[in-house]
């Protein structure tokens, strides 16, 4: 598994996901994994080049956009964030359940 990953975090307005992503970055850092996470609103995601990301995380409130994101993301894995992990800003849980299973496949 490589040491640095680029992740896109998609949210409705970008505010609520910033605390979540900070906790995720901290959890990864404790394990020697470097994450670079860009936060975008769902409108920005629909117009962005998604090809440079290793993973796209989608906040609960915009998960109804996942099919549209899949069309644009090509081969980039898309992972919905479950409501409890998101609400608790559970960085450790997100790393274990959402991020590492996908990144280990690379």
PDB file of N, CA and C in Angstrom:
ATOM      1  N   UNK A   1       0.853  -1.182   0.000  1.00  0.00           N
ATOM      2  CA  UNK A   1       0.000   0.000   0.000  1.00  0.00           C
ATOM      3  C   UNK A   1       0.897   1.242   0.000  1.00  0.00           C
ATOM      4  N   UNK A   2       0.627   2.150  -0.911  1.00  0.00           N
ATOM      5  CA  UNK A   2       1.444   3.351  -0.958  1.00  0.00           C
ATOM      6  C   UNK A   2       1.155   4.243   0.239  1.00  0.00           C
ATOM      7  N   UNK A   3       1.972   5.260   0.436  1.00  0.00           N
ATOM      8  CA  UNK A   3       1.896   6.061   1.654  1.00  0.00           C
ATOM      9  C   UNK A   3       1.051   7.324   1.542  1.00  0.00           C
ATOM     10  N   UNK A   4       0.779   7.816   0.349  1.00  0.00           N
ATOM     11  CA  UNK A   4      -0.014   9.043   0.214  1.00  0.00           C
ATOM     12  C   UNK A   4      -1.169   8.796  -0.751  1.00  0.00           C
ATOM     13  N   UNK A   5      -2.352   9.185  -0.322  1.00  0.00           N
ATOM     14  CA  UNK A   5      -3.547   8.993  -1.131  1.00  0.00           C
ATOM     15  C   UNK A   5      -4.296  10.301  -1.288  1.00  0.00           C
ATOM     16  N   UNK A   6      -4.871  10.480  -2.472  1.00  0.00           N
ATOM     17  CA  UNK A   6      -5.712  11.653  -2.736  1.00  0.00           C
ATOM     18  C   UNK A   6      -7.163  11.222  -2.641  1.00  0.00           C
ATOM     19  N   UNK A   7      -7.895  11.909  -1.793  1.00  0.00           N
ATOM     20  CA  UNK A   7      -9.302  11.603  -1.574  1.00  0.00           C
ATOM     21  C   UNK A   7     -10.123  12.859  -1.813  1.00  0.00           C
ATOM     22  N   UNK A   8     -11.265  12.676  -2.443  1.00  0.00           N
ATOM     23  CA  UNK A   8     -12.231  13.755  -2.597  1.00  0.00           C
ATOM     24  C   UNK A   8     -13.381  13.476  -1.645  1.00  0.00           C
ATOM     25  N   UNK A   9     -13.755  14.468  -0.857  1.00  0.00           N
ATOM     26  CA  UNK A   9     -14.892  14.354   0.053  1.00  0.00           C
ATOM     27  C   UNK A   9     -15.993  15.276  -0.453  1.00  0.00           C
ATOM     28  N   UNK A  10     -17.127  14.691  -0.815  1.00  0.00           N
ATOM     29  CA  UNK A  10     -18.246  15.454  -1.365  1.00  0.00           C
ATOM     30  C   UNK A  10     -19.313  15.677  -0.305  1.00  0.00           C
ATOM     31  N   UNK A  11     -19.798  16.922  -0.231  1.00  0.00           N
ATOM     32  CA  UNK A  11     -20.776  17.310   0.784  1.00  0.00           C
ATOM     33  C   UNK A  11     -21.744  18.318   0.155  1.00  0.00           C
ATOM     34  N   UNK A  12     -22.805  18.626   0.865  1.00  0.00           N
ATOM     35  CA  UNK A  12     -23.779  19.594   0.350  1.00  0.00           C
ATOM     36  C   UNK A  12     -23.168  20.991   0.238  1.00  0.00           C
ATOM     37  N   UNK A  13     -22.601  21.478   1.327  1.00  0.00           N
ATOM     38  CA  UNK A  13     -22.022  22.821   1.339  1.00  0.00           C
ATOM     39  C   UNK A  13     -20.532  22.836   1.665  1.00  0.00           C
ATOM     40  N   UNK A  14     -19.984  21.725   2.096  1.00  0.00           N
ATOM     41  CA  UNK A  14     -18.560  21.642   2.395  1.00  0.00           C
ATOM     42  C   UNK A  14     -18.190  21.932   3.829  1.00  0.00           C
ATOM     43  N   UNK A  15     -19.099  22.463   4.622  1.00  0.00           N
ATOM     44  CA  UNK A  15     -18.769  22.831   5.996  1.00  0.00           C
ATOM     45  C   UNK A  15     -18.761  21.668   6.959  1.00  0.00           C
ATOM     46  N   UNK A  16     -19.798  20.876   6.932  1.00  0.00           N
ATOM     47  CA  UNK A  16     -19.911  19.801   7.921  1.00  0.00           C
ATOM     48  C   UNK A  16     -18.887  18.698   7.720  1.00  0.00           C
ATOM     49  N   UNK A  17     -18.405  18.552   6.517  1.00  0.00           N
ATOM     50  CA  UNK A  17     -17.472  17.468   6.257  1.00  0.00           C
ATOM     51  C   UNK A  17     -16.036  17.827   6.656  1.00  0.00           C
ATOM     52  N   UNK A  18     -15.749  19.100   6.864  1.00  0.00           N
ATOM     53  CA  UNK A  18     -14.372  19.502   7.174  1.00  0.00           C
ATOM     54  C   UNK A  18     -13.886  18.916   8.498  1.00  0.00           C
ATOM     55  N   UNK A  19     -14.728  18.907   9.519  1.00  0.00           N
ATOM     56  CA  UNK A  19     -14.338  18.318  10.803  1.00  0.00           C
ATOM     57  C   UNK A  19     -14.146  16.812  10.653  1.00  0.00           C
ATOM     58  N   UNK A  20     -15.049  16.166   9.924  1.00  0.00           N
ATOM     59  CA  UNK A  20     -14.947  14.730   9.672  1.00  0.00           C
ATOM     60  C   UNK A  20     -13.623  14.390   8.984  1.00  0.00           C
ATOM     61  N   UNK A  21     -13.276  15.134   7.934  1.00  0.00           N
ATOM     62  CA  UNK A  21     -12.051  14.827   7.194  1.00  0.00           C
ATOM     63  C   UNK A  21     -10.804  15.091   8.029  1.00  0.00           C
ATOM     64  N   UNK A  22     -10.844  16.096   8.874  1.00  0.00           N
ATOM     65  CA  UNK A  22      -9.701  16.358   9.750  1.00  0.00           C
ATOM     66  C   UNK A  22      -9.458  15.176  10.681  1.00  0.00           C
ATOM     67  N   UNK A  23     -10.513  14.628  11.235  1.00  0.00           N
ATOM     68  CA  UNK A  23     -10.397  13.461  12.119  1.00  0.00           C
ATOM     69  C   UNK A  23      -9.889  12.239  11.349  1.00  0.00           C
ATOM     70  N   UNK A  24     -10.309  12.099  10.104  1.00  0.00           N
ATOM     71  CA  UNK A  24      -9.848  11.007   9.256  1.00  0.00           C
ATOM     72  C   UNK A  24      -8.359  11.147   8.966  1.00  0.00           C
ATOM     73  N   UNK A  25      -7.914  12.344   8.649  1.00  0.00           N
ATOM     74  CA  UNK A  25      -6.492  12.603   8.395  1.00  0.00           C
ATOM     75  C   UNK A  25      -5.664  12.277   9.630  1.00  0.00           C
ATOM     76  N   UNK A  26      -6.134  12.685  10.797  1.00  0.00           N
ATOM     77  CA  UNK A  26      -5.417  12.405  12.049  1.00  0.00           C
ATOM     78  C   UNK A  26      -5.327  10.907  12.316  1.00  0.00           C
ATOM     79  N   UNK A  27      -6.402  10.175  12.092  1.00  0.00           N
ATOM     80  CA  UNK A  27      -6.400   8.722  12.302  1.00  0.00           C
ATOM     81  C   UNK A  27      -5.418   8.040  11.357  1.00  0.00           C
ATOM     82  N   UNK A  28      -5.381   8.481  10.117  1.00  0.00           N
ATOM     83  CA  UNK A  28      -4.462   7.899   9.139  1.00  0.00           C
ATOM     84  C   UNK A  28      -3.015   8.213   9.495  1.00  0.00           C
ATOM     85  N   UNK A  29      -2.765   9.435   9.910  1.00  0.00           N
ATOM     86  CA  UNK A  29      -1.408   9.853  10.269  1.00  0.00           C
ATOM     87  C   UNK A  29      -0.842   8.978  11.389  1.00  0.00           C
ATOM     88  N   UNK A  30      -1.685   8.613  12.345  1.00  0.00           N
ATOM     89  CA  UNK A  30      -1.246   7.746  13.447  1.00  0.00           C
ATOM     90  C   UNK A  30      -0.755   6.392  12.943  1.00  0.00           C
ATOM     91  N   UNK A  31      -1.216   5.997  11.767  1.00  0.00           N
ATOM     92  CA  UNK A  31      -0.815   4.710  11.181  1.00  0.00           C
ATOM     93  C   UNK A  31       0.249   4.869  10.097  1.00  0.00           C
ATOM     94  N   UNK A  32       0.747   6.073   9.955  1.00  0.00           N
ATOM     95  CA  UNK A  32       1.780   6.309   8.955  1.00  0.00           C
ATOM     96  C   UNK A  32       1.251   6.423   7.539  1.00  0.00           C
ATOM     97  N   UNK A  33      -0.024   6.732   7.403  1.00  0.00           N
ATOM     98  CA  UNK A  33      -0.643   6.884   6.087  1.00  0.00           C
ATOM     99  C   UNK A  33      -0.942   8.362   5.878  1.00  0.00           C
ATOM    100  N   UNK A  34      -0.502   8.884   4.755  1.00  0.00           N
ATOM    101  CA  UNK A  34      -0.758  10.292   4.459  1.00  0.00           C
ATOM    102  C   UNK A  34      -1.950  10.418   3.514  1.00  0.00           C
ATOM    103  N   UNK A  35      -2.928  11.193   3.945  1.00  0.00           N
ATOM    104  CA  UNK A  35      -4.100  11.459   3.121  1.00  0.00           C
ATOM    105  C   UNK A  35      -4.134  12.931   2.742  1.00  0.00           C
ATOM    106  N   UNK A  36      -4.341  13.185   1.483  1.00  0.00           N
ATOM    107  CA  UNK A  36      -4.601  14.545   1.005  1.00  0.00           C
ATOM    108  C   UNK A  36      -6.077  14.560   0.624  1.00  0.00           C
ATOM    109  N   UNK A  37      -6.879  15.319   1.355  1.00  0.00           N
ATOM    110  CA  UNK A  37      -8.322  15.306   1.131  1.00  0.00           C
ATOM    111  C   UNK A  37      -8.793  16.670   0.645  1.00  0.00           C
ATOM    112  N   UNK A  38      -9.402  16.669  -0.531  1.00  0.00           N
ATOM    113  CA  UNK A  38     -10.037  17.868  -1.068  1.00  0.00           C
ATOM    114  C   UNK A  38     -11.524  17.796  -0.745  1.00  0.00           C
ATOM    115  N   UNK A  39     -12.080  18.901  -0.298  1.00  0.00           N
ATOM    116  CA  UNK A  39     -13.505  18.981  -0.003  1.00  0.00           C
ATOM    117  C   UNK A  39     -14.177  19.784  -1.109  1.00  0.00           C
ATOM    118  N   UNK A  40     -15.254  19.229  -1.648  1.00  0.00           N
ATOM    119  CA  UNK A  40     -16.019  19.929  -2.682  1.00  0.00           C
ATOM    120  C   UNK A  40     -17.503  19.822  -2.384  1.00  0.00           C
ATOM    121  N   UNK A  41     -18.223  20.854  -2.783  1.00  0.00           N
ATOM    122  CA  UNK A  41     -19.682  20.750  -2.744  1.00  0.00           C
ATOM    123  C   UNK A  41     -20.101  19.808  -3.867  1.00  0.00           C
ATOM    124  N   UNK A  42     -21.300  19.303  -3.776  1.00  0.00           N
ATOM    125  CA  UNK A  42     -21.767  18.378  -4.803  1.00  0.00           C
ATOM    126  C   UNK A  42     -21.822  19.056  -6.171  1.00  0.00           C
ATOM    127  N   UNK A  43     -22.127  20.342  -6.217  1.00  0.00           N
ATOM    128  CA  UNK A  43     -22.124  21.067  -7.491  1.00  0.00           C
ATOM    129  C   UNK A  43     -20.724  21.122  -8.090  1.00  0.00           C
ATOM    130  N   UNK A  44     -19.718  21.334  -7.253  1.00  0.00           N
ATOM    131  CA  UNK A  44     -18.335  21.339  -7.733  1.00  0.00           C
ATOM    132  C   UNK A  44     -17.930  19.963  -8.249  1.00  0.00           C
ATOM    133  N   UNK A  45     -18.362  18.922  -7.556  1.00  0.00           N
ATOM    134  CA  UNK A  45     -18.032  17.551  -7.963  1.00  0.00           C
ATOM    135  C   UNK A  45     -18.561  17.267  -9.367  1.00  0.00           C
ATOM    136  N   UNK A  46     -19.757  17.747  -9.661  1.00  0.00           N
ATOM    137  CA  UNK A  46     -20.362  17.490 -10.970  1.00  0.00           C
ATOM    138  C   UNK A  46     -19.593  18.144 -12.119  1.00  0.00           C
ATOM    139  N   UNK A  47     -18.706  19.092 -11.812  1.00  0.00           N
ATOM    140  CA  UNK A  47     -17.939  19.774 -12.855  1.00  0.00           C
ATOM    141  C   UNK A  47     -16.435  19.550 -12.749  1.00  0.00           C
ATOM    142  N   UNK A  48     -15.993  18.781 -11.778  1.00  0.00           N
ATOM    143  CA  UNK A  48     -14.557  18.602 -11.530  1.00  0.00           C
ATOM    144  C   UNK A  48     -13.982  17.420 -12.308  1.00  0.00           C
ATOM    145  N   UNK A  49     -12.667  17.480 -12.515  1.00  0.00           N
ATOM    146  CA  UNK A  49     -11.934  16.331 -13.050  1.00  0.00           C
ATOM    147  C   UNK A  49     -11.677  15.400 -11.866  1.00  0.00           C
ATOM    148  N   UNK A  50     -12.263  14.242 -11.880  1.00  0.00           N
ATOM    149  CA  UNK A  50     -12.175  13.314 -10.751  1.00  0.00           C
ATOM    150  C   UNK A  50     -11.099  12.247 -10.939  1.00  0.00           C
ATOM    151  N   UNK A  51     -10.437  12.246 -12.068  1.00  0.00           N
ATOM    152  CA  UNK A  51      -9.517  11.162 -12.417  1.00  0.00           C
ATOM    153  C   UNK A  51      -8.266  11.077 -11.547  1.00  0.00           C
ATOM    154  N   UNK A  52      -7.897  12.151 -10.877  1.00  0.00           N
ATOM    155  CA  UNK A  52      -6.652  12.131 -10.098  1.00  0.00           C
ATOM    156  C   UNK A  52      -6.846  11.628  -8.666  1.00  0.00           C
ATOM    157  N   UNK A  53      -8.063  11.267  -8.308  1.00  0.00           N
ATOM    158  CA  UNK A  53      -8.331  10.825  -6.935  1.00  0.00           C
ATOM    159  C   UNK A  53      -8.242   9.307  -6.810  1.00  0.00           C
ATOM    160  N   UNK A  54      -7.805   8.870  -5.638  1.00  0.00           N
ATOM    161  CA  UNK A  54      -7.758   7.441  -5.333  1.00  0.00           C
ATOM    162  C   UNK A  54      -9.094   6.946  -4.792  1.00  0.00           C
ATOM    163  N   UNK A  55      -9.892   7.861  -4.260  1.00  0.00           N
ATOM    164  CA  UNK A  55     -11.142   7.501  -3.604  1.00  0.00           C
ATOM    165  C   UNK A  55     -12.028   8.740  -3.505  1.00  0.00           C
ATOM    166  N   UNK A  56     -13.330   8.533  -3.617  1.00  0.00           N
ATOM    167  CA  UNK A  56     -14.294   9.612  -3.405  1.00  0.00           C
ATOM    168  C   UNK A  56     -15.210   9.195  -2.265  1.00  0.00           C
ATOM    169  N   UNK A  57     -15.258  10.014  -1.222  1.00  0.00           N
ATOM    170  CA  UNK A  57     -16.157   9.792  -0.092  1.00  0.00           C
ATOM    171  C   UNK A  57     -17.361  10.710  -0.254  1.00  0.00           C
ATOM    172  N   UNK A  58     -18.553  10.175  -0.028  1.00  0.00           N
ATOM    173  CA  UNK A  58     -19.772  10.955  -0.233  1.00  0.00           C
ATOM    174  C   UNK A  58     -20.540  11.051   1.081  1.00  0.00           C
ATOM    175  N   UNK A  59     -20.776  12.279   1.524  1.00  0.00           N
ATOM    176  CA  UNK A  59     -21.501  12.533   2.771  1.00  0.00           C
ATOM    177  C   UNK A  59     -22.944  12.034   2.658  1.00  0.00           C
ATOM    178  N   UNK A  60     -23.540  11.674   3.787  1.00  0.00           N
ATOM    179  CA  UNK A  60     -24.901  11.114   3.764  1.00  0.00           C
ATOM    180  C   UNK A  60     -25.945  11.985   3.068  1.00  0.00           C
ATOM    181  N   UNK A  61     -25.870  13.291   3.253  1.00  0.00           N
ATOM    182  CA  UNK A  61     -26.915  14.165   2.721  1.00  0.00           C
ATOM    183  C   UNK A  61     -26.891  14.328   1.209  1.00  0.00           C
ATOM    184  N   UNK A  62     -25.845  13.845   0.539  1.00  0.00           N
ATOM    185  CA  UNK A  62     -25.777  13.961  -0.926  1.00  0.00           C
ATOM    186  C   UNK A  62     -25.611  12.603  -1.616  1.00  0.00           C
ATOM    187  N   UNK A  63     -25.893  11.538  -0.911  1.00  0.00           N
ATOM    188  CA  UNK A  63     -25.686  10.211  -1.489  1.00  0.00           C
ATOM    189  C   UNK A  63     -26.618   9.894  -2.649  1.00  0.00           C
ATOM    190  N   UNK A  64     -27.694  10.647  -2.783  1.00  0.00           N
ATOM    191  CA  UNK A  64     -28.572  10.436  -3.938  1.00  0.00           C
ATOM    192  C   UNK A  64     -27.902  10.865  -5.243  1.00  0.00           C
ATOM    193  N   UNK A  65     -26.722  11.483  -5.157  1.00  0.00           N
ATOM    194  CA  UNK A  65     -25.948  11.877  -6.341  1.00  0.00           C
ATOM    195  C   UNK A  65     -24.933  10.808  -6.754  1.00  0.00           C
ATOM    196  N   UNK A  66     -24.850   9.717  -6.036  1.00  0.00           N
ATOM    197  CA  UNK A  66     -23.792   8.731  -6.292  1.00  0.00           C
ATOM    198  C   UNK A  66     -23.817   8.206  -7.728  1.00  0.00           C
ATOM    199  N   UNK A  67     -24.969   7.901  -8.278  1.00  0.00           N
ATOM    200  CA  UNK A  67     -25.019   7.391  -9.655  1.00  0.00           C
ATOM    201  C   UNK A  67     -24.438   8.392 -10.650  1.00  0.00           C
ATOM    202  N   UNK A  68     -24.751   9.657 -10.473  1.00  0.00           N
ATOM    203  CA  UNK A  68     -24.207  10.690 -11.363  1.00  0.00           C
ATOM    204  C   UNK A  68     -22.696  10.822 -11.187  1.00  0.00           C
ATOM    205  N   UNK A  69     -22.227  10.701  -9.955  1.00  0.00           N
ATOM    206  CA  UNK A  69     -20.784  10.773  -9.703  1.00  0.00           C
ATOM    207  C   UNK A  69     -20.085   9.583 -10.345  1.00  0.00           C
ATOM    208  N   UNK A  70     -20.681   8.406 -10.251  1.00  0.00           N
ATOM    209  CA  UNK A  70     -20.087   7.199 -10.850  1.00  0.00           C
ATOM    210  C   UNK A  70     -19.874   7.371 -12.346  1.00  0.00           C
ATOM    211  N   UNK A  71     -20.813   8.007 -13.015  1.00  0.00           N
ATOM    212  CA  UNK A  71     -20.684   8.235 -14.454  1.00  0.00           C
ATOM    213  C   UNK A  71     -19.463   9.083 -14.780  1.00  0.00           C
ATOM    214  N   UNK A  72     -19.161  10.036 -13.928  1.00  0.00           N
ATOM    215  CA  UNK A  72     -18.036  10.939 -14.168  1.00  0.00           C
ATOM    216  C   UNK A  72     -16.723  10.397 -13.630  1.00  0.00           C
ATOM    217  N   UNK A  73     -16.785   9.571 -12.600  1.00  0.00           N
ATOM    218  CA  UNK A  73     -15.576   9.147 -11.887  1.00  0.00           C
ATOM    219  C   UNK A  73     -14.833   8.014 -12.581  1.00  0.00           C
ATOM    220  N   UNK A  74     -15.451   7.396 -13.557  1.00  0.00           N
ATOM    221  CA  UNK A  74     -14.843   6.267 -14.275  1.00  0.00           C
ATOM    222  C   UNK A  74     -14.408   5.171 -13.302  1.00  0.00           C
ATOM    223  N   UNK A  75     -13.108   4.995 -13.096  1.00  0.00           N
ATOM    224  CA  UNK A  75     -12.590   3.896 -12.273  1.00  0.00           C
ATOM    225  C   UNK A  75     -12.257   4.284 -10.839  1.00  0.00           C
ATOM    226  N   UNK A  76     -12.602   5.478 -10.427  1.00  0.00           N
ATOM    227  CA  UNK A  76     -12.309   5.913  -9.058  1.00  0.00           C
ATOM    228  C   UNK A  76     -13.375   5.329  -8.127  1.00  0.00           C
ATOM    229  N   UNK A  77     -12.959   4.598  -7.094  1.00  0.00           N
ATOM    230  CA  UNK A  77     -13.940   4.032  -6.159  1.00  0.00           C
ATOM    231  C   UNK A  77     -14.712   5.134  -5.431  1.00  0.00           C
ATOM    232  N   UNK A  78     -16.007   4.902  -5.262  1.00  0.00           N
ATOM    233  CA  UNK A  78     -16.880   5.840  -4.561  1.00  0.00           C
ATOM    234  C   UNK A  78     -17.446   5.128  -3.345  1.00  0.00           C
ATOM    235  N   UNK A  79     -17.285   5.755  -2.180  1.00  0.00           N
ATOM    236  CA  UNK A  79     -17.731   5.139  -0.931  1.00  0.00           C
ATOM    237  C   UNK A  79     -18.661   6.101  -0.197  1.00  0.00           C
ATOM    238  N   UNK A  80     -19.893   5.666   0.071  1.00  0.00           N
ATOM    239  CA  UNK A  80     -20.790   6.493   0.877  1.00  0.00           C
ATOM    240  C   UNK A  80     -20.390   6.429   2.350  1.00  0.00           C
ATOM    241  N   UNK A  81     -20.444   7.551   3.021  1.00  0.00           N
ATOM    242  CA  UNK A  81     -20.142   7.601   4.458  1.00  0.00           C
ATOM    243  C   UNK A  81     -21.442   7.319   5.202  1.00  0.00           C
ATOM    244  N   UNK A  82     -21.418   6.331   6.082  1.00  0.00           N
ATOM    245  CA  UNK A  82     -22.640   6.030   6.826  1.00  0.00           C
ATOM    246  C   UNK A  82     -22.931   7.158   7.817  1.00  0.00           C
ATOM    247  N   UNK A  83     -24.195   7.316   8.142  1.00  0.00           N
ATOM    248  CA  UNK A  83     -24.653   8.442   8.968  1.00  0.00           C
ATOM    249  C   UNK A  83     -24.009   8.489  10.351  1.00  0.00           C
ATOM    250  N   UNK A  84     -23.871   7.350  11.009  1.00  0.00           N
ATOM    251  CA  UNK A  84     -23.319   7.345  12.360  1.00  0.00           C
ATOM    252  C   UNK A  84     -21.847   7.749  12.361  1.00  0.00           C
ATOM    253  N   UNK A  85     -21.064   7.172  11.465  1.00  0.00           N
ATOM    254  CA  UNK A  85     -19.642   7.517  11.369  1.00  0.00           C
ATOM    255  C   UNK A  85     -19.481   9.001  11.074  1.00  0.00           C
ATOM    256  N   UNK A  86     -20.322   9.515  10.186  1.00  0.00           N
ATOM    257  CA  UNK A  86     -20.277  10.925   9.810  1.00  0.00           C
ATOM    258  C   UNK A  86     -20.676  11.819  10.978  1.00  0.00           C
ATOM    259  N   UNK A  87     -21.777  11.496  11.632  1.00  0.00           N
ATOM    260  CA  UNK A  87     -22.285  12.325  12.735  1.00  0.00           C
ATOM    261  C   UNK A  87     -21.311  12.381  13.903  1.00  0.00           C
ATOM    262  N   UNK A  88     -20.626  11.273  14.153  1.00  0.00           N
ATOM    263  CA  UNK A  88     -19.659  11.220  15.253  1.00  0.00           C
ATOM    264  C   UNK A  88     -18.279  11.726  14.844  1.00  0.00           C
ATOM    265  N   UNK A  89     -18.107  12.039  13.560  1.00  0.00           N
ATOM    266  CA  UNK A  89     -16.788  12.405  13.024  1.00  0.00           C
ATOM    267  C   UNK A  89     -15.763  11.378  13.477  1.00  0.00           C
ATOM    268  N   UNK A  90     -16.119  10.114  13.294  1.00  0.00           N
ATOM    269  CA  UNK A  90     -15.306   8.982  13.740  1.00  0.00           C
ATOM    270  C   UNK A  90     -14.203   8.695  12.725  1.00  0.00           C
ATOM    271  N   UNK A  91     -13.077   9.365  12.896  1.00  0.00           N
ATOM    272  CA  UNK A  91     -11.961   9.199  11.979  1.00  0.00           C
ATOM    273  C   UNK A  91     -11.416   7.788  11.954  1.00  0.00           C
ATOM    274  N   UNK A  92     -11.258   7.176  13.126  1.00  0.00           N
ATOM    275  CA  UNK A  92     -10.758   5.795  13.212  1.00  0.00           C
ATOM    276  C   UNK A  92     -11.718   4.833  12.515  1.00  0.00           C
ATOM    277  N   UNK A  93     -13.002   4.976  12.809  1.00  0.00           N
ATOM    278  CA  UNK A  93     -14.001   4.107  12.195  1.00  0.00           C
ATOM    279  C   UNK A  93     -14.061   4.278  10.690  1.00  0.00           C
ATOM    280  N   UNK A  94     -13.986   5.512  10.231  1.00  0.00           N
ATOM    281  CA  UNK A  94     -14.011   5.778   8.795  1.00  0.00           C
ATOM    282  C   UNK A  94     -12.794   5.172   8.111  1.00  0.00           C
ATOM    283  N   UNK A  95     -11.645   5.300   8.748  1.00  0.00           N
ATOM    284  CA  UNK A  95     -10.429   4.732   8.179  1.00  0.00           C
ATOM    285  C   UNK A  95     -10.563   3.220   8.056  1.00  0.00           C
ATOM    286  N   UNK A  96     -11.003   2.572   9.122  1.00  0.00           N
ATOM    287  CA  UNK A  96     -11.135   1.112   9.153  1.00  0.00           C
ATOM    288  C   UNK A  96     -12.216   0.587   8.212  1.00  0.00           C
ATOM    289  N   UNK A  97     -13.389   1.191   8.261  1.00  0.00           N
ATOM    290  CA  UNK A  97     -14.542   0.648   7.533  1.00  0.00           C
ATOM    291  C   UNK A  97     -14.667   1.141   6.098  1.00  0.00           C
ATOM    292  N   UNK A  98     -14.253   2.372   5.846  1.00  0.00           N
ATOM    293  CA  UNK A  98     -14.526   2.979   4.551  1.00  0.00           C
ATOM    294  C   UNK A  98     -13.297   3.138   3.667  1.00  0.00           C
ATOM    295  N   UNK A  99     -12.195   3.570   4.254  1.00  0.00           N
ATOM    296  CA  UNK A  99     -11.031   3.946   3.452  1.00  0.00           C
ATOM    297  C   UNK A  99     -10.068   2.779   3.219  1.00  0.00           C
ATOM    298  N   UNK A 100      -9.579   2.161   4.285  1.00  0.00           N
ATOM    299  CA  UNK A 100      -8.568   1.109   4.130  1.00  0.00           C
ATOM    300  C   UNK A 100      -9.021  -0.075   3.273  1.00  0.00           C
ATOM    301  N   UNK A 101     -10.259  -0.551   3.399  1.00  0.00           N
ATOM    302  CA  UNK A 101     -10.656  -1.672   2.537  1.00  0.00           C
ATOM    303  C   UNK A 101     -10.524  -1.360   1.044  1.00  0.00           C
ATOM    304  N   UNK A 102     -10.761  -0.121   0.670  1.00  0.00           N
ATOM    305  CA  UNK A 102     -10.648   0.268  -0.736  1.00  0.00           C
ATOM    306  C   UNK A 102      -9.190   0.467  -1.125  1.00  0.00           C
ATOM    307  N   UNK A 103      -8.427   1.162  -0.295  1.00  0.00           N
ATOM    308  CA  UNK A 103      -7.040   1.469  -0.638  1.00  0.00           C
ATOM    309  C   UNK A 103      -6.154   0.233  -0.616  1.00  0.00           C
ATOM    310  N   UNK A 104      -6.479  -0.747   0.196  1.00  0.00           N
ATOM    311  CA  UNK A 104      -5.689  -1.985   0.244  1.00  0.00           C
ATOM    312  C   UNK A 104      -5.811  -2.785  -1.041  1.00  0.00           C
ATOM    313  N   UNK A 105      -6.849  -2.547  -1.808  1.00  0.00           N
ATOM    314  CA  UNK A 105      -7.048  -3.265  -3.067  1.00  0.00           C
ATOM    315  C   UNK A 105      -6.103  -2.789  -4.157  1.00  0.00           C
ATOM    316  N   UNK A 106      -5.513  -1.618  -3.962  1.00  0.00           N
ATOM    317  CA  UNK A 106      -4.626  -1.056  -5.001  1.00  0.00           C
ATOM    318  C   UNK A 106      -3.322  -1.813  -5.077  1.00  0.00           C
TER     319      UNK A 106
END
